[in-house]
Amino acid sequence: MEAFSRIAPEWTNNAVHAMNFYCPNCDASPRQGKRVWLNRYAPVTTDKGIRKWQEFYMCECDQVWWGWSSDRMNKN
């Protein structure tokens, strides 16, 4: 399964950082994505000791974007 691969898929190479955890091109949620890859093998630890990682999505509009897992968890 690609989502949990240790190696980043090639389609993630040109991803843009989406600040609001939805597609920056069409505002679609990550659930509408065609592909996903979670970079869980290179987590970042915040100054408060919270671990977060990059989540990459290929939207149905073909925009590739990423956001921090902590942004997803804070989104209602």
C-alpha atoms as a PDB file:
ATOM      1  CA  MET A   1       0.000   0.000   0.000  1.00  0.00           C
ATOM      2  CA  GLU A   2       1.476   3.311  -1.062  1.00  0.00           C
ATOM      3  CA  ALA A   3       0.152   5.333   1.904  1.00  0.00           C
ATOM      4  CA  PHE A   4       2.559   3.648   4.318  1.00  0.00           C
ATOM      5  CA  SER A   5       5.553   3.127   2.030  1.00  0.00           C
ATOM      6  CA  ARG A   6       8.920   4.114   3.512  1.00  0.00           C
ATOM      7  CA  ILE A   7       9.916   5.760   0.226  1.00  0.00           C
ATOM      8  CA  ALA A   8       8.111   8.848  -1.036  1.00  0.00           C
ATOM      9  CA  PRO A   9       6.192   8.217  -4.256  1.00  0.00           C
ATOM     10  CA  GLU A  10       7.352  10.262  -7.224  1.00  0.00           C
ATOM     11  CA  TRP A  11       4.008  12.091  -7.440  1.00  0.00           C
ATOM     12  CA  THR A  12       4.823  13.874  -4.128  1.00  0.00           C
ATOM     13  CA  ASN A  13       7.862  15.689  -5.591  1.00  0.00           C
ATOM     14  CA  ASN A  14       6.012  18.879  -6.566  1.00  0.00           C
ATOM     15  CA  ALA A  15       3.591  19.077  -3.634  1.00  0.00           C
ATOM     16  CA  VAL A  16       2.678  22.488  -2.240  1.00  0.00           C
ATOM     17  CA  HIS A  17       2.109  23.167   1.453  1.00  0.00           C
ATOM     18  CA  ALA A  18      -1.599  23.685   2.108  1.00  0.00           C
ATOM     19  CA  MET A  19      -1.919  25.861   5.183  1.00  0.00           C
ATOM     20  CA  ASN A  20      -5.588  25.036   5.903  1.00  0.00           C
ATOM     21  CA  PHE A  21      -5.467  21.256   5.309  1.00  0.00           C
ATOM     22  CA  TYR A  22      -7.553  21.183   2.165  1.00  0.00           C
ATOM     23  CA  CYS A  23      -6.678  21.421  -1.493  1.00  0.00           C
ATOM     24  CA  PRO A  24      -5.254  24.884  -2.225  1.00  0.00           C
ATOM     25  CA  ASN A  25      -6.568  24.662  -5.797  1.00  0.00           C
ATOM     26  CA  CYS A  26     -10.223  23.602  -5.364  1.00  0.00           C
ATOM     27  CA  ASP A  27     -10.805  23.524  -1.579  1.00  0.00           C
ATOM     28  CA  ALA A  28     -11.575  19.776  -1.557  1.00  0.00           C
ATOM     29  CA  SER A  29     -11.020  17.875   1.673  1.00  0.00           C
ATOM     30  CA  PRO A  30      -8.306  15.199   1.938  1.00  0.00           C
ATOM     31  CA  ARG A  31     -11.067  12.570   1.869  1.00  0.00           C
ATOM     32  CA  GLN A  32     -11.670  13.461  -1.760  1.00  0.00           C
ATOM     33  CA  GLY A  33      -8.074  12.716  -2.685  1.00  0.00           C
ATOM     34  CA  LYS A  34      -7.107  10.134  -5.279  1.00  0.00           C
ATOM     35  CA  ARG A  35      -3.830   9.218  -3.568  1.00  0.00           C
ATOM     36  CA  VAL A  36      -2.246   9.659  -0.168  1.00  0.00           C
ATOM     37  CA  TRP A  37       1.195   9.159   1.335  1.00  0.00           C
ATOM     38  CA  LEU A  38       2.004   9.607   5.022  1.00  0.00           C
ATOM     39  CA  ASN A  39       5.612  10.467   5.824  1.00  0.00           C
ATOM     40  CA  ARG A  40       5.526   8.751   9.209  1.00  0.00           C
ATOM     41  CA  TYR A  41       9.170   7.696   9.015  1.00  0.00           C
ATOM     42  CA  ALA A  42      10.480  11.241   9.467  1.00  0.00           C
ATOM     43  CA  PRO A  43       8.380  12.803  12.238  1.00  0.00           C
ATOM     44  CA  VAL A  44       9.065  16.221  13.685  1.00  0.00           C
ATOM     45  CA  THR A  45       8.784  16.826  17.413  1.00  0.00           C
ATOM     46  CA  THR A  46       7.479  20.213  18.508  1.00  0.00           C
ATOM     47  CA  ASP A  47       8.831  22.152  21.472  1.00  0.00           C
ATOM     48  CA  LYS A  48       5.890  20.728  23.495  1.00  0.00           C
ATOM     49  CA  GLY A  49       6.933  17.162  22.692  1.00  0.00           C
ATOM     50  CA  ILE A  50       4.144  16.524  20.180  1.00  0.00           C
ATOM     51  CA  ARG A  51       5.071  14.400  17.155  1.00  0.00           C
ATOM     52  CA  LYS A  52       3.784  15.383  13.744  1.00  0.00           C
ATOM     53  CA  TRP A  53       4.489  14.252  10.190  1.00  0.00           C
ATOM     54  CA  GLN A  54       3.765  15.338   6.646  1.00  0.00           C
ATOM     55  CA  GLU A  55       0.676  13.980   4.902  1.00  0.00           C
ATOM     56  CA  PHE A  56       0.657  14.196   1.105  1.00  0.00           C
ATOM     57  CA  TYR A  57      -2.502  14.147  -1.004  1.00  0.00           C
ATOM     58  CA  MET A  58      -3.255  14.088  -4.713  1.00  0.00           C
ATOM     59  CA  CYS A  59      -6.602  15.800  -5.118  1.00  0.00           C
ATOM     60  CA  GLU A  60      -9.243  14.790  -7.640  1.00  0.00           C
ATOM     61  CA  CYS A  61      -8.303  18.032  -9.478  1.00  0.00           C
ATOM     62  CA  ASP A  62      -4.711  16.650  -9.739  1.00  0.00           C
ATOM     63  CA  GLN A  63      -3.216  19.245  -7.376  1.00  0.00           C
ATOM     64  CA  VAL A  64      -0.650  17.602  -5.070  1.00  0.00           C
ATOM     65  CA  TRP A  65      -0.447  19.150  -1.634  1.00  0.00           C
ATOM     66  CA  TRP A  66       0.751  18.381   1.875  1.00  0.00           C
ATOM     67  CA  GLY A  67      -0.070  19.402   5.418  1.00  0.00           C
ATOM     68  CA  TRP A  68       1.103  18.577   8.917  1.00  0.00           C
ATOM     69  CA  SER A  69      -0.742  15.763  10.679  1.00  0.00           C
ATOM     70  CA  SER A  70      -1.318  18.102  13.612  1.00  0.00           C
ATOM     71  CA  ASP A  71      -3.259  20.436  11.271  1.00  0.00           C
ATOM     72  CA  ARG A  72      -5.554  17.568  10.283  1.00  0.00           C
ATOM     73  CA  MET A  73      -6.148  16.615  13.890  1.00  0.00           C
ATOM     74  CA  ASN A  74      -7.048  20.205  14.809  1.00  0.00           C
ATOM     75  CA  LYS A  75      -9.458  20.630  11.883  1.00  0.00           C
ATOM     76  CA  ASN A  76     -13.155  20.169  12.699  1.00  0.00           C
END
